[in-house]
C-alpha atoms as a PDB file:
ATOM      1  CA  MET A   1    -121.386 -23.335  -0.728  1.00  0.00           C
ATOM      2  CA  SER A   2    -118.556 -24.561  -2.942  1.00  0.00           C
ATOM      3  CA  TYR A   3    -117.829 -28.206  -3.582  1.00  0.00           C
ATOM      4  CA  VAL A   4    -114.220 -29.082  -4.250  1.00  0.00           C
ATOM      5  CA  SER A   5    -112.351 -32.350  -4.664  1.00  0.00           C
ATOM      6  CA  SER A   6    -108.682 -31.686  -3.938  1.00  0.00           C
ATOM      7  CA  TYR A   7    -106.450 -34.702  -3.266  1.00  0.00           C
ATOM      8  CA  TYR A   8    -102.663 -34.695  -3.088  1.00  0.00           C
ATOM      9  CA  HIS A   9    -100.078 -37.425  -2.783  1.00  0.00           C
ATOM     10  CA  CYS A  10     -97.352 -35.673  -0.775  1.00  0.00           C
ATOM     11  CA  VAL A  11     -93.828 -36.988  -0.340  1.00  0.00           C
ATOM     12  CA  PHE A  12     -90.980 -35.557   1.699  1.00  0.00           C
ATOM     13  CA  SER A  13     -87.836 -36.912   3.237  1.00  0.00           C
ATOM     14  CA  THR A  14     -85.757 -36.438   6.306  1.00  0.00           C
ATOM     15  CA  LYS A  15     -82.922 -33.952   5.987  1.00  0.00           C
ATOM     16  CA  GLU A  16     -80.138 -35.472   3.900  1.00  0.00           C
ATOM     17  CA  ARG A  17     -82.393 -38.545   3.703  1.00  0.00           C
ATOM     18  CA  ARG A  18     -81.067 -39.776   7.031  1.00  0.00           C
ATOM     19  CA  PRO A  19     -82.740 -43.099   7.945  1.00  0.00           C
ATOM     20  CA  ILE A  20     -83.903 -41.873  11.353  1.00  0.00           C
ATOM     21  CA  ILE A  21     -87.623 -42.689  11.340  1.00  0.00           C
ATOM     22  CA  VAL A  22     -87.216 -45.896  13.319  1.00  0.00           C
ATOM     23  CA  PRO A  23     -90.303 -48.128  13.728  1.00  0.00           C
ATOM     24  CA  THR A  24     -90.994 -46.908  17.289  1.00  0.00           C
ATOM     25  CA  LEU A  25     -90.980 -43.310  16.048  1.00  0.00           C
ATOM     26  CA  ALA A  26     -93.037 -44.102  12.930  1.00  0.00           C
ATOM     27  CA  GLU A  27     -95.818 -45.774  14.936  1.00  0.00           C
ATOM     28  CA  ARG A  28     -96.348 -42.487  16.780  1.00  0.00           C
ATOM     29  CA  LEU A  29     -95.377 -40.078  13.988  1.00  0.00           C
ATOM     30  CA  TRP A  30     -97.849 -41.264  11.331  1.00  0.00           C
ATOM     31  CA  PRO A  31    -100.889 -40.731  13.622  1.00  0.00           C
ATOM     32  CA  PHE A  32     -99.461 -37.391  14.760  1.00  0.00           C
ATOM     33  CA  LEU A  33     -99.221 -36.214  11.144  1.00  0.00           C
ATOM     34  CA  GLY A  34    -102.869 -37.179  10.733  1.00  0.00           C
ATOM     35  CA  GLY A  35    -103.721 -35.179  13.840  1.00  0.00           C
ATOM     36  CA  ILE A  36    -102.048 -32.065  12.467  1.00  0.00           C
ATOM     37  CA  ALA A  37    -104.030 -32.464   9.257  1.00  0.00           C
ATOM     38  CA  ARG A  38    -107.308 -32.928  11.148  1.00  0.00           C
ATOM     39  CA  HIS A  39    -106.596 -29.910  13.387  1.00  0.00           C
ATOM     40  CA  HIS A  40    -106.325 -27.758  10.253  1.00  0.00           C
ATOM     41  CA  GLN A  41    -109.448 -29.153   8.503  1.00  0.00           C
ATOM     42  CA  MET A  42    -107.460 -31.376   6.140  1.00  0.00           C
ATOM     43  CA  LYS A  43    -108.139 -35.095   5.827  1.00  0.00           C
ATOM     44  CA  ALA A  44    -105.198 -37.483   5.981  1.00  0.00           C
ATOM     45  CA  ILE A  45    -106.517 -40.462   4.055  1.00  0.00           C
ATOM     46  CA  GLU A  46    -103.339 -42.548   4.250  1.00  0.00           C
ATOM     47  CA  ILE A  47     -99.917 -41.993   5.812  1.00  0.00           C
ATOM     48  CA  GLY A  48     -96.901 -44.235   5.649  1.00  0.00           C
ATOM     49  CA  GLY A  49     -93.285 -44.416   4.759  1.00  0.00           C
ATOM     50  CA  VAL A  50     -89.907 -45.809   5.623  1.00  0.00           C
ATOM     51  CA  ALA A  51     -86.865 -44.705   7.626  1.00  0.00           C
ATOM     52  CA  ASP A  52     -85.981 -41.746   5.409  1.00  0.00           C
ATOM     53  CA  HIS A  53     -89.267 -40.409   4.009  1.00  0.00           C
ATOM     54  CA  VAL A  54     -93.030 -40.223   4.340  1.00  0.00           C
ATOM     55  CA  HIS A  55     -96.008 -40.343   1.969  1.00  0.00           C
ATOM     56  CA  LEU A  56     -99.326 -38.684   2.776  1.00  0.00           C
ATOM     57  CA  LEU A  57    -102.549 -38.795   0.820  1.00  0.00           C
ATOM     58  CA  LEU A  58    -104.333 -35.592   1.788  1.00  0.00           C
ATOM     59  CA  SER A  59    -107.661 -34.030   0.984  1.00  0.00           C
ATOM     60  CA  LEU A  60    -107.478 -30.256   1.317  1.00  0.00           C
ATOM     61  CA  PRO A  61    -110.253 -27.725   1.857  1.00  0.00           C
ATOM     62  CA  SER A  62    -110.880 -25.373  -1.088  1.00  0.00           C
ATOM     63  CA  THR A  63    -109.200 -22.448   0.678  1.00  0.00           C
ATOM     64  CA  PHE A  64    -105.984 -24.306   1.517  1.00  0.00           C
ATOM     65  CA  ALA A  65    -102.767 -24.059  -0.495  1.00  0.00           C
ATOM     66  CA  ILE A  66    -100.593 -27.185  -0.597  1.00  0.00           C
ATOM     67  CA  SER A  67     -97.601 -25.088   0.493  1.00  0.00           C
ATOM     68  CA  LYS A  68     -99.455 -24.107   3.686  1.00  0.00           C
ATOM     69  CA  ALA A  69    -100.423 -27.740   4.319  1.00  0.00           C
ATOM     70  CA  MET A  70     -96.787 -28.841   4.012  1.00  0.00           C
ATOM     71  CA  GLN A  71     -95.579 -26.009   6.237  1.00  0.00           C
ATOM     72  CA  LEU A  72     -98.044 -26.932   8.986  1.00  0.00           C
ATOM     73  CA  ILE A  73     -97.457 -30.681   8.780  1.00  0.00           C
ATOM     74  CA  LYS A  74     -93.677 -30.606   8.510  1.00  0.00           C
ATOM     75  CA  GLY A  75     -93.175 -27.767  11.003  1.00  0.00           C
ATOM     76  CA  GLY A  76     -95.632 -29.118  13.553  1.00  0.00           C
ATOM     77  CA  SER A  77     -94.271 -32.651  13.420  1.00  0.00           C
ATOM     78  CA  SER A  78     -90.638 -31.546  13.642  1.00  0.00           C
ATOM     79  CA  LYS A  79     -91.423 -29.425  16.719  1.00  0.00           C
ATOM     80  CA  TRP A  80     -93.303 -32.335  18.314  1.00  0.00           C
ATOM     81  CA  ILE A  81     -90.444 -34.772  17.670  1.00  0.00           C
ATOM     82  CA  HIS A  82     -87.931 -32.387  19.274  1.00  0.00           C
ATOM     83  CA  GLU A  83     -90.171 -31.875  22.323  1.00  0.00           C
ATOM     84  CA  THR A  84     -91.229 -35.517  22.730  1.00  0.00           C
ATOM     85  CA  PHE A  85     -88.134 -37.484  21.745  1.00  0.00           C
ATOM     86  CA  PRO A  86     -84.926 -35.921  23.115  1.00  0.00           C
ATOM     87  CA  GLU A  87     -82.921 -38.701  21.466  1.00  0.00           C
ATOM     88  CA  HIS A  88     -84.078 -37.326  18.085  1.00  0.00           C
ATOM     89  CA  ARG A  89     -82.903 -33.749  18.693  1.00  0.00           C
ATOM     90  CA  LEU A  90     -81.143 -33.753  15.309  1.00  0.00           C
ATOM     91  CA  PHE A  91     -84.355 -34.691  13.458  1.00  0.00           C
ATOM     92  CA  ALA A  92     -85.323 -32.437  10.563  1.00  0.00           C
ATOM     93  CA  TRP A  93     -87.321 -32.694   7.377  1.00  0.00           C
ATOM     94  CA  GLN A  94     -85.822 -31.804   4.013  1.00  0.00           C
ATOM     95  CA  GLU A  95     -86.999 -28.345   2.994  1.00  0.00           C
ATOM     96  CA  LYS A  96     -88.465 -29.461  -0.328  1.00  0.00           C
ATOM     97  CA  TYR A  97     -91.364 -31.811  -0.984  1.00  0.00           C
ATOM     98  CA  GLY A  98     -93.336 -33.351  -3.787  1.00  0.00           C
ATOM     99  CA  ALA A  99     -97.093 -32.867  -4.043  1.00  0.00           C
ATOM    100  CA  PHE A 100     -98.939 -34.633  -6.822  1.00  0.00           C
ATOM    101  CA  SER A 101    -102.617 -34.133  -7.596  1.00  0.00           C
ATOM    102  CA  VAL A 102    -104.667 -37.308  -7.480  1.00  0.00           C
ATOM    103  CA  SER A 103    -107.923 -38.097  -9.268  1.00  0.00           C
ATOM    104  CA  VAL A 104    -110.664 -39.683  -7.165  1.00  0.00           C
ATOM    105  CA  SER A 105    -110.496 -42.701  -9.480  1.00  0.00           C
ATOM    106  CA  GLN A 106    -106.871 -43.257  -8.372  1.00  0.00           C
ATOM    107  CA  LEU A 107    -107.328 -42.981  -4.589  1.00  0.00           C
ATOM    108  CA  ASP A 108    -107.388 -46.747  -3.940  1.00  0.00           C
ATOM    109  CA  LYS A 109    -104.231 -47.186  -6.015  1.00  0.00           C
ATOM    110  CA  ILE A 110    -102.389 -44.459  -4.052  1.00  0.00           C
ATOM    111  CA  ILE A 111    -103.587 -45.863  -0.715  1.00  0.00           C
ATOM    112  CA  ALA A 112    -102.214 -49.286  -1.660  1.00  0.00           C
ATOM    113  CA  TYR A 113     -98.969 -47.683  -2.849  1.00  0.00           C
ATOM    114  CA  ILE A 114     -98.480 -45.891   0.478  1.00  0.00           C
ATOM    115  CA  LYS A 115     -99.348 -49.021   2.482  1.00  0.00           C
ATOM    116  CA  GLY A 116     -96.771 -50.972   0.457  1.00  0.00           C
ATOM    117  CA  GLN A 117     -93.807 -48.703   1.115  1.00  0.00           C
ATOM    118  CA  GLU A 118     -91.738 -51.246   3.078  1.00  0.00           C
ATOM    119  CA  ALA A 119     -91.926 -53.829   0.292  1.00  0.00           C
ATOM    120  CA  HIS A 120     -91.571 -51.189  -2.417  1.00  0.00           C
ATOM    121  CA  HIS A 121     -88.292 -49.920  -0.995  1.00  0.00           C
ATOM    122  CA  LYS A 122     -86.727 -53.346  -0.965  1.00  0.00           C
ATOM    123  CA  LYS A 123     -86.669 -52.975  -4.760  1.00  0.00           C
ATOM    124  CA  ILE A 124     -86.274 -49.245  -5.410  1.00  0.00           C
ATOM    125  CA  SER A 125     -84.523 -46.341  -3.656  1.00  0.00           C
ATOM    126  CA  PHE A 126     -86.211 -43.113  -2.592  1.00  0.00           C
ATOM    127  CA  HIS A 127     -84.142 -41.322  -5.229  1.00  0.00           C
ATOM    128  CA  GLU A 128     -85.491 -43.592  -7.999  1.00  0.00           C
ATOM    129  CA  GLU A 129     -89.026 -43.410  -6.610  1.00  0.00           C
ATOM    130  CA  PHE A 130     -89.075 -39.615  -6.461  1.00  0.00           C
ATOM    131  CA  LEU A 131     -87.692 -39.245  -9.991  1.00  0.00           C
ATOM    132  CA  ALA A 132     -90.376 -41.658 -11.228  1.00  0.00           C
ATOM    133  CA  LEU A 133     -93.109 -39.615  -9.490  1.00  0.00           C
ATOM    134  CA  LEU A 134     -91.833 -36.425 -11.109  1.00  0.00           C
ATOM    135  CA  LYS A 135     -91.702 -38.069 -14.540  1.00  0.00           C
ATOM    136  CA  ASN A 136     -95.134 -39.711 -14.170  1.00  0.00           C
ATOM    137  CA  HIS A 137     -96.645 -36.334 -13.284  1.00  0.00           C
ATOM    138  CA  ARG A 138     -94.756 -34.573 -16.087  1.00  0.00           C
ATOM    139  CA  ILE A 139     -92.996 -32.207 -13.708  1.00  0.00           C
ATOM    140  CA  GLU A 140     -89.880 -30.610 -15.125  1.00  0.00           C
ATOM    141  CA  TYR A 141     -86.862 -30.541 -12.832  1.00  0.00           C
ATOM    142  CA  ASP A 142     -83.162 -29.839 -12.783  1.00  0.00           C
ATOM    143  CA  GLU A 143     -81.414 -32.670 -10.967  1.00  0.00           C
ATOM    144  CA  ARG A 144     -78.647 -30.274  -9.866  1.00  0.00           C
ATOM    145  CA  TYR A 145     -81.113 -28.669  -7.446  1.00  0.00           C
ATOM    146  CA  LEU A 146     -83.380 -31.617  -6.728  1.00  0.00           C
ATOM    147  CA  TRP A 147     -81.592 -33.053  -3.709  1.00  0.00           C
ATOM    148  CA  GLU A 148     -80.604 -29.890  -1.852  1.00  0.00           C
END
């Protein structure tokens, strides 16, 4: 048996960062995202966000690529929203995402960060937040293609 510790702080937004995750949708969407993760042997440790984006702290099995996790979570949740909420027929996730590896020693900090999204975004925009995450994780990017 292999023993692997694989944690990711994942961030993705609604298409064109439309503020369409209203509180009544969020209260059902966050648990649904966790259900998708559980169904595919991932662990959703914390999920939260605001009207235009979501943060997930995920633990992945050793055989799981982060790209597959994002495909399953984003695709499954988008399909569910379209089937369950006809008023959100235009809902879509942005194609791109951020996934940042997390050390076990930082889990509590990331959990608190995700839980504090409402307050956090009274001070900083998603744009500023995402750029800061990229810089903090030393990820190179070209801003011309970042927001497509």
